[in-house]
Protein backbone atom coordinates (compact mmCIF):
# COMPACT_ATOMS: atom_id res chain seq x y z
CA MET A 1 131.90 82.59 107.88
CA LYS A 2 128.39 83.86 107.55
CA LEU A 3 125.17 81.95 107.93
CA ILE A 4 124.43 81.27 104.24
CA TRP A 5 121.37 79.05 104.65
CA LEU A 6 118.88 81.87 104.72
CA LEU A 7 120.48 84.63 102.77
CA VAL A 8 121.17 82.66 99.59
CA LEU A 9 117.45 82.06 99.13
CA CYS A 10 117.67 85.36 97.23
CA ALA A 11 118.30 83.21 94.14
CA LEU A 12 114.60 82.23 94.13
CA SER A 13 113.40 85.81 93.77
CA VAL A 14 115.45 86.77 90.76
CA VAL A 15 113.97 86.13 87.31
CA ASP A 16 116.84 87.01 85.13
CA MET A 17 119.84 86.96 87.40
CA LYS A 18 123.12 85.95 85.87
CA PRO A 19 124.85 83.00 87.53
CA VAL A 20 127.46 84.28 89.94
CA GLN A 21 130.98 83.30 89.17
CA PRO A 22 133.28 81.89 91.90
CA VAL A 23 134.41 84.60 94.28
CA SER A 24 137.60 84.64 96.37
CA SER A 25 136.29 86.53 99.41
CA GLU A 26 133.32 86.01 101.63
CA GLU A 27 132.75 89.66 101.88
CA LYS A 28 132.23 89.86 98.06
CA LEU A 29 129.76 87.10 98.15
CA GLU A 30 127.78 88.63 100.98
CA ASP A 31 127.55 91.88 99.05
CA ASP A 32 126.19 90.00 96.01
CA MET A 33 123.58 88.21 98.01
CA ASP A 34 120.86 90.75 98.50
CA THR A 35 117.64 88.78 99.08
CA GLY A 36 115.60 91.48 97.44
CA LEU A 37 113.36 91.63 100.50
CA GLU A 38 112.17 95.00 101.84
CA TYR A 39 113.73 94.22 105.19
CA ASP A 40 116.96 92.75 103.72
CA LYS A 41 119.37 94.88 105.67
CA TYR A 42 117.66 94.18 109.05
CA LEU A 43 117.68 90.48 108.25
CA ARG A 44 121.34 90.38 107.50
CA GLN A 45 122.29 92.56 110.51
CA VAL A 46 120.36 90.29 112.95
CA ILE A 47 121.97 87.11 111.48
CA SER A 48 125.41 88.75 111.72
CA VAL A 49 124.87 89.40 115.49
CA LEU A 50 123.51 85.90 116.12
CA GLU A 51 126.50 84.41 114.46
CA LYS A 52 128.88 86.28 116.77
CA ASP A 53 127.80 84.01 119.62
CA PRO A 54 129.57 80.67 119.10
CA GLU A 55 126.87 78.64 120.82
CA MET A 56 124.02 80.23 118.84
CA ARG A 57 125.94 79.85 115.66
CA LYS A 58 126.32 76.05 116.20
CA LYS A 59 122.61 75.75 116.85
CA MET A 60 121.72 77.78 113.72
CA GLU A 61 124.01 75.59 111.57
CA SER A 62 122.43 72.41 112.82
CA SER A 63 118.90 73.73 112.35
CA ASN A 64 116.62 72.71 109.53
CA LEU A 65 113.86 74.72 107.87
CA GLU A 66 111.22 73.34 110.15
CA ASP A 67 113.17 74.56 113.17
CA LEU A 68 113.21 78.03 111.67
CA LYS A 69 109.52 78.14 110.90
CA SER A 70 108.35 76.52 114.19
CA GLY A 71 110.28 78.99 116.38
CA LYS A 72 112.38 76.26 117.91
CA LEU A 73 115.58 78.11 117.23
CA ALA A 74 114.11 81.28 118.81
CA LEU A 75 113.87 79.57 122.17
CA GLU A 76 117.71 79.62 122.35
CA LEU A 77 117.68 83.44 122.33
CA ASP A 78 117.52 83.71 126.12
CA GLN A 79 120.84 81.87 126.35
CA MET A 80 122.78 84.55 124.43
CA PRO A 81 125.13 86.90 126.40
CA GLY A 82 123.71 90.27 127.36
CA HIS A 83 125.91 92.41 125.11
CA PHE A 84 124.57 90.46 122.05
CA ARG A 85 121.04 90.92 123.19
CA SER A 86 121.67 94.66 123.51
CA GLN A 87 122.92 94.75 119.97
CA LEU A 88 119.75 93.03 118.81
CA ASP A 89 117.62 95.44 120.92
CA GLU A 90 119.29 98.44 119.15
CA LEU A 91 118.76 96.86 115.74
CA LYS A 92 115.08 96.33 116.54
CA ARG A 93 114.60 99.97 117.70
CA MET A 94 116.24 101.15 114.39
CA GLU A 95 113.96 98.99 112.38
CA VAL A 96 110.87 100.04 114.12
CA GLN A 97 111.84 103.70 113.50
CA ARG A 98 112.35 102.91 109.86
CA LEU A 99 109.05 101.06 109.60
CA ARG A 100 107.19 104.10 111.18
CA ALA A 101 108.60 106.30 108.46
CA VAL A 102 107.72 103.85 105.73
CA ALA A 103 104.17 103.41 107.23
CA LYS A 104 103.64 107.15 107.17
CA GLN A 105 104.52 107.34 103.43
CA MET A 106 102.48 104.31 102.72
CA VAL A 107 99.38 105.77 104.32
CA GLU A 108 99.74 109.11 102.55
CA LYS A 109 100.26 107.24 99.22
CA GLU A 110 97.24 104.95 99.67
CA ALA A 111 94.89 107.68 100.96
CA GLY A 112 91.93 107.85 98.67
CA ILE A 113 92.99 105.06 96.41
CA PRO A 114 89.93 102.84 95.64
CA GLY A 115 90.33 99.29 96.72
CA SER A 116 93.36 99.89 98.93
CA ASN A 117 93.57 98.12 102.25
CA PRO A 118 95.84 100.10 104.61
CA LYS A 119 95.48 97.52 107.42
CA GLU A 120 96.48 94.66 105.27
CA SER A 121 99.46 96.62 103.84
CA PHE A 122 100.56 97.58 107.37
CA GLU A 123 100.38 94.05 108.64
CA ASN A 124 102.48 92.82 105.71
CA LEU A 125 104.96 95.66 106.28
CA VAL A 126 105.57 94.79 110.00
CA GLY A 127 105.17 91.03 109.74
CA HIS A 128 108.80 90.39 110.41
CA VAL A 129 108.92 92.13 113.81
CA ASP A 130 106.86 92.02 117.07
CA PRO A 131 105.19 95.50 116.90
CA LYS A 132 103.78 95.09 120.44
CA ASN A 133 107.25 95.32 121.86
CA PRO A 134 109.15 98.11 119.98
CA ASP A 135 112.13 98.34 122.23
CA THR A 136 113.47 94.84 122.73
CA PHE A 137 114.33 91.93 120.43
CA ASN A 138 112.63 88.76 121.71
CA GLU A 139 111.83 85.25 120.68
CA ARG A 140 108.78 86.32 118.73
CA ASP A 141 110.90 88.78 116.75
CA LEU A 142 113.27 86.09 115.63
CA THR A 143 110.46 83.61 114.81
CA ASN A 144 108.59 86.32 112.88
CA LEU A 145 111.63 87.29 110.92
CA LEU A 146 112.80 83.84 109.85
CA ARG A 147 109.26 82.60 109.12
CA LYS A 148 108.45 85.59 107.05
CA ALA A 149 111.74 85.48 105.20
CA THR A 150 111.27 81.86 104.10
CA SER A 151 107.61 82.50 103.14
CA ASP A 152 108.43 85.58 101.14
CA LEU A 153 111.26 83.97 99.26
CA ASP A 154 109.17 80.77 98.47
CA ALA A 155 106.49 83.10 97.07
CA ALA A 156 109.20 84.91 95.05
CA ASP A 157 110.13 81.56 93.51
CA LYS A 158 106.54 81.04 92.29
CA LYS A 159 106.37 84.64 91.07
CA ARG A 160 109.53 84.11 89.05
CA ARG A 161 108.00 81.20 87.22
CA GLU A 162 104.76 83.07 86.56
CA GLU A 163 106.62 86.20 85.30
CA PHE A 164 108.74 84.07 83.01
CA LYS A 165 105.63 82.38 81.55
CA ASN A 166 104.04 85.75 80.96
CA TYR A 167 107.28 87.03 79.36
CA GLU A 168 107.14 84.12 76.88
CA MET A 169 103.53 84.67 76.04
CA GLU A 170 104.06 88.42 75.53
CA LYS A 171 107.03 87.66 73.30
CA GLU A 172 104.85 85.35 71.17
CA LEU A 173 102.09 87.87 70.85
CA GLN A 174 104.58 90.55 69.69
CA ARG A 175 105.92 88.12 67.11
CA ARG A 176 102.49 87.39 65.85
CA GLN A 177 101.60 91.13 65.72
CA LYS A 178 104.71 91.78 63.59
CA LEU A 179 103.64 89.06 61.22
CA LYS A 180 100.24 90.59 60.73
CA GLU A 181 101.82 93.91 59.73
CA MET A 182 103.94 92.27 56.95
CA ASP A 183 102.93 91.42 53.47
CA GLU A 184 102.70 87.86 52.44
CA GLN A 185 106.27 87.51 51.05
CA HIS A 186 107.95 88.98 54.20
CA ARG A 187 105.62 87.14 56.55
CA LYS A 188 106.48 83.75 54.88
CA ALA A 189 110.24 84.60 55.23
CA ALA A 190 109.96 85.68 58.86
CA GLU A 191 107.96 82.51 59.73
CA ASN A 192 110.59 80.29 58.12
CA GLU A 193 113.34 82.05 59.97
CA TYR A 194 111.49 81.64 63.24
CA GLN A 195 111.04 77.90 62.65
CA ASP A 196 114.75 77.47 61.68
CA GLN A 197 115.76 79.17 64.96
CA LYS A 198 113.48 76.89 66.97
CA LYS A 199 114.81 73.85 65.21
CA LYS A 200 118.43 74.94 65.77
CA LEU A 201 117.84 75.36 69.59
CA LYS A 202 116.31 71.98 69.77
CA GLU A 203 119.16 70.28 67.96
CA HIS A 204 121.80 70.43 70.59
CA ASP A 205 124.18 67.97 72.28
CA LYS A 206 122.62 65.75 74.85
CA ILE A 207 122.19 67.54 78.14
CA LYS A 208 123.50 65.45 81.17
CA HIS A 209 121.33 64.93 84.15
CA PRO A 210 122.18 67.85 86.54
CA GLY A 211 124.04 66.47 89.57
CA SER A 212 124.81 63.13 88.01
CA LYS A 213 128.34 61.71 87.99
CA ALA A 214 128.67 62.23 84.27
CA GLN A 215 127.67 65.88 84.61
CA LEU A 216 130.01 66.65 87.47
CA GLU A 217 132.86 64.78 85.82
CA GLU A 218 132.36 67.02 82.85
CA VAL A 219 132.78 70.13 85.15
CA TRP A 220 135.78 68.42 86.82
CA GLU A 221 137.49 68.10 83.39
CA GLU A 222 136.38 71.19 81.48
CA THR A 223 136.13 73.77 84.29
CA ASP A 224 138.52 72.44 86.91
CA HIS A 225 140.97 71.10 84.33
CA LEU A 226 141.49 67.83 86.18
CA ASP A 227 141.81 64.29 84.88
CA LYS A 228 138.51 62.43 84.76
CA GLU A 229 140.11 59.33 86.28
CA ASP A 230 140.97 61.36 89.47
CA PHE A 231 137.40 62.54 90.10
CA ASN A 232 136.75 62.66 93.77
CA PRO A 233 133.47 63.86 95.36
CA ARG A 234 135.12 65.37 98.48
CA THR A 235 137.64 67.21 96.41
CA PHE A 236 134.92 68.36 93.97
CA PHE A 237 132.81 69.73 96.80
CA ALA A 238 135.77 71.58 98.26
CA LEU A 239 136.65 73.21 94.98
CA HIS A 240 133.10 74.49 94.38
CA ASP A 241 132.19 75.52 97.88
CA THR A 242 133.76 78.82 97.00
CA ASN A 243 132.97 80.62 100.21
CA GLY A 244 134.10 77.69 102.38
CA ASP A 245 130.83 77.56 104.47
CA GLY A 246 130.34 73.77 104.11
CA ASN A 247 127.35 74.10 101.80
CA LEU A 248 126.67 74.43 97.96
CA ASP A 249 124.35 77.44 97.88
CA PRO A 250 122.07 78.27 94.86
CA PHE A 251 124.70 80.50 93.29
CA GLU A 252 127.41 77.83 93.59
CA LEU A 253 124.99 75.19 92.31
CA GLU A 254 124.01 77.22 89.18
CA ALA A 255 127.75 77.73 88.31
CA LEU A 256 127.90 73.91 87.92
CA PHE A 257 125.34 73.88 85.26
CA ILE A 258 126.54 76.74 83.06
CA LYS A 259 128.22 74.47 80.52
CA GLU A 260 125.10 72.22 80.21
CA VAL A 261 122.84 75.28 79.54
CA GLU A 262 125.35 76.59 77.02
CA LYS A 263 124.82 73.44 74.92
CA ILE A 264 121.29 74.67 74.37
CA TYR A 265 121.85 78.41 74.13
CA LYS A 266 125.18 78.61 72.33
CA ASP A 267 123.72 80.73 69.54
CA SER A 268 124.22 84.57 69.83
CA VAL A 269 120.40 85.01 69.18
CA ALA A 270 119.44 82.90 72.11
CA ASP A 271 117.21 84.66 74.70
CA PRO A 272 119.31 85.32 77.99
CA LYS A 273 116.07 85.24 80.02
CA GLU A 274 115.45 81.67 78.88
CA LYS A 275 119.04 80.73 79.63
CA PHE A 276 118.82 81.96 83.25
CA GLU A 277 115.42 80.26 83.68
CA GLU A 278 116.94 76.97 82.52
CA LEU A 279 119.70 77.39 85.12
CA ALA A 280 117.25 78.11 87.84
CA ARG A 281 115.18 74.99 86.97
CA MET A 282 118.30 72.85 87.00
CA ARG A 283 119.13 74.15 90.49
CA GLU A 284 115.64 73.51 91.80
CA HIS A 285 115.70 70.01 90.39
CA VAL A 286 118.96 69.25 92.16
CA LEU A 287 117.79 70.67 95.43
CA ALA A 288 114.56 68.62 95.21
CA GLU A 289 116.71 65.46 94.72
CA ILE A 290 119.45 65.77 97.41
CA ASP A 291 118.50 68.77 99.74
CA LEU A 292 117.18 66.42 102.48
CA ASP A 293 116.52 69.13 105.11
CA LYS A 294 114.95 71.43 102.59
CA ASN A 295 117.00 74.45 103.62
CA LYS A 296 117.74 75.39 99.98
CA LEU A 297 121.41 74.33 100.36
CA VAL A 298 123.34 71.19 99.71
CA SER A 299 125.58 70.40 102.66
CA LYS A 300 128.75 68.39 102.41
CA GLU A 301 127.03 65.43 103.99
CA GLU A 302 124.10 65.58 101.64
CA PHE A 303 126.33 65.79 98.71
CA LEU A 304 128.51 62.88 99.69
CA LYS A 305 125.43 60.81 100.57
CA ALA A 306 124.00 61.52 97.01
CA THR A 307 127.23 60.44 95.36
CA ASP A 308 127.13 57.11 97.28
CA GLU A 309 123.68 56.28 95.85
CA SER A 310 123.41 54.14 92.80
CA GLN A 311 121.33 56.77 91.07
CA PHE A 312 124.44 59.00 90.97
CA GLU A 313 125.99 56.59 88.39
CA LYS A 314 123.07 56.97 86.03
CA ASP A 315 122.76 59.70 83.50
CA GLU A 316 119.05 59.99 82.68
CA GLY A 317 119.75 63.11 80.70
CA TRP A 318 117.74 66.36 81.13
CA GLU A 319 115.35 66.29 78.19
CA ASP A 320 114.28 62.75 78.98
CA LEU A 321 113.64 63.58 82.68
CA ILE A 322 112.41 67.14 82.39
CA LYS A 323 112.12 68.78 79.05
CA ASP A 324 114.32 71.81 78.63
CA LEU A 325 112.54 75.02 77.72
CA GLN A 326 113.01 74.54 74.02
CA GLN A 327 111.44 71.08 74.19
CA GLU A 328 108.61 72.16 76.45
CA GLU A 329 105.43 73.91 75.45
CA MET A 330 105.42 76.83 77.85
CA PHE A 331 101.70 77.55 77.35
CA GLU A 332 98.55 76.38 75.61
CA GLU A 333 96.94 78.32 72.81
CA GLU A 334 93.92 78.89 75.13
CA GLU A 335 96.21 80.40 77.80
CA LEU A 336 97.79 82.68 75.15
CA GLU A 337 94.36 83.98 74.13
CA GLY A 338 93.41 84.60 77.77
CA TYR A 339 96.66 86.45 78.36
CA GLU A 340 96.09 88.51 75.24
CA LYS A 341 92.70 89.45 76.41
CA THR A 342 94.10 90.45 79.81
CA LEU A 343 96.69 92.63 78.23
CA GLN A 344 93.98 94.26 76.09
CA GLU A 345 91.85 94.96 79.09
CA LYS A 346 94.81 96.51 80.89
CA GLU A 347 95.58 98.60 77.86
CA LEU A 348 91.92 99.73 77.69
CA LYS A 349 92.00 100.60 81.35
CA ARG A 350 95.32 102.58 80.91
CA GLN A 351 93.82 104.29 77.85
CA LYS A 352 90.74 105.25 79.87
CA GLN A 353 92.93 106.52 82.71
CA ARG A 354 94.98 108.55 80.21
CA GLU A 355 91.83 110.01 78.68
CA GLU A 356 90.41 110.89 82.21
CA PHE A 357 93.72 112.47 83.03
CA GLU A 358 93.72 114.59 79.81
CA ALA A 359 90.15 115.58 80.44
CA ARG A 360 90.87 116.62 84.03
CA LYS A 361 94.04 118.47 82.75
CA GLN A 362 91.99 120.34 80.09
CA LYS A 363 89.30 121.21 82.62
CA MET A 364 91.87 122.58 85.02
CA GLN A 365 93.44 124.54 82.18
CA MET A 366 90.08 125.99 81.22
CA GLU A 367 89.27 126.77 84.79
CA GLN A 368 92.70 128.30 85.25
CA GLY A 369 92.23 130.33 82.01
CA THR A 370 88.82 131.53 83.09
CA LEU A 371 90.14 132.38 86.53
CA GLN A 372 93.06 134.33 84.98
CA LYS A 373 90.64 136.13 82.76
CA ASP A 374 88.43 136.99 85.62
CA ILE A 375 91.45 138.23 87.61
CA LYS A 376 92.72 140.30 84.63
CA GLN A 377 89.22 141.91 84.21
CA GLN A 378 88.95 142.66 87.90
CA GLN A 379 92.47 144.18 87.80
CA GLN A 380 91.46 146.27 84.77
CA ALA A 381 88.34 147.44 86.57
CA VAL A 382 90.39 148.32 89.69
CA ASN A 383 92.88 150.16 87.43
CA MET A 384 90.06 152.11 85.73
CA GLU A 385 88.56 152.93 89.07
CA GLN A 386 91.99 154.12 90.39
CA VAL A 387 92.38 156.22 87.18
CA VAL A 388 89.07 157.91 87.76
CA LEU A 389 89.82 158.45 91.34
CA ASP A 390 93.22 159.90 90.48
CA GLN A 391 91.68 162.25 87.85
CA ALA A 392 89.07 163.43 90.41
CA ALA A 393 91.76 164.01 93.00
CA ALA A 394 93.87 165.89 90.49
CA GLN A 395 90.93 167.99 89.35
CA LYS A 396 90.01 168.79 92.97
CA LYS A 397 93.54 169.87 93.70
CA LEU A 398 93.71 172.02 90.55
CA THR A 399 90.41 173.72 91.56
CA GLU A 400 91.77 174.42 95.05
CA MET A 401 94.89 175.83 93.65
CA GLN A 402 93.00 178.11 91.26
CA GLN A 403 90.71 179.40 93.96
CA GLY A 404 93.69 180.17 96.16
CA ASN A 405 95.31 182.21 93.47
CA ASP A 406 92.21 184.16 92.80
CA LYS A 407 91.76 184.96 96.46
CA LEU A 408 95.22 186.39 96.74
CA LYS A 409 94.77 188.38 93.61
CA PHE A 410 91.24 189.99 94.14
CA ASP A 411 90.74 190.06 97.96
CA PRO A 412 88.77 193.32 98.76
CA ALA A 413 90.22 193.50 102.27
CA ASN A 414 93.81 193.56 101.01
CA ASN A 415 92.80 196.30 98.41
CA ALA A 416 91.18 198.56 101.15
CA ILE A 417 94.32 198.34 103.31
CA ASP A 418 96.54 199.27 100.41
CA GLN A 419 94.44 202.40 99.62
CA LYS A 420 94.47 203.58 103.30
CA LYS A 421 98.19 203.34 103.43
CA GLN A 422 98.31 205.68 100.52
């Protein structure tokens, strides 16, 4: 069994992740649960080593989120056997080596970029380790790792909501732009079709309150195919704790709400991003209600305690408590106008960058053309000079040969000798 309480926080960082179906093996679950963090592999390797020590594993499972952030758990590191500490030391050395390579690339990439802050980027990069001690894994390393992981994943949750809101605004702007490009007849037809689709999404069966007895009984009957009269919270928890770690993690929780969400998004034209966002919000709502230690998991004890409360018997619905995405206005008109202005400014900036790039490209091409022309002219001049030199050398050689022939033919000394011999 792996320590799920930290790794499953990856669900918070995924905007459009599909809900994970029940898995039969722990290894498959672990493969699916990539936190999306830059140091994900190191995080999981460290947790894997910590879990190998039975005593440390017990302390980890009994720790709450505050223990992780405060460093209380890290104080137990000294009690671990030496061979486990050696494994952690080796992981730390490998991570430091990786960070050095990443830092080098980062410095090269950010060099000369206006507004870049290499120091801030570096501090964020190495925030999960103790950079002052590159060879050994100590209490500070564990504290930094867990604290940064929880902080980064909480930030990812906030980012997911912001990105979804931007997605909805951009989708609306695109719809309005298409309407502007239509003639009156087609625009009216398109607007009517849009309103019909909105109305259809709003007219759905009542959504049961996520985590209520009525909602869980529905899962018990329709998903587990068991008799409603036999509903048992302990059995229900065991059936849906698919990896058997004693907790309902975000993936397992979202699987409980699929049928509720499908009541809203049963149409084939439904936006899948909205469906996954609805699932994420149901999960967050249930965690806010029954996750007492705020570790992003629902333990068996927390689950059973919630089912004993009188509130469990009540079904307040989902729309009455928290409007579903189709009932909720995601943004105000003023926000939409502001977002449109931001997009226009970004597009103008990109256009300016493209124009500057094209201007630099043309300038380089012109300079290159001029340079090539100069080189060609210089080469031609050199060639002409070489031709002249070659012609002069040939003429000189020819003259020398002619003079040599004339000397052999009319030499007076040779002629006198010939006459004497006669």
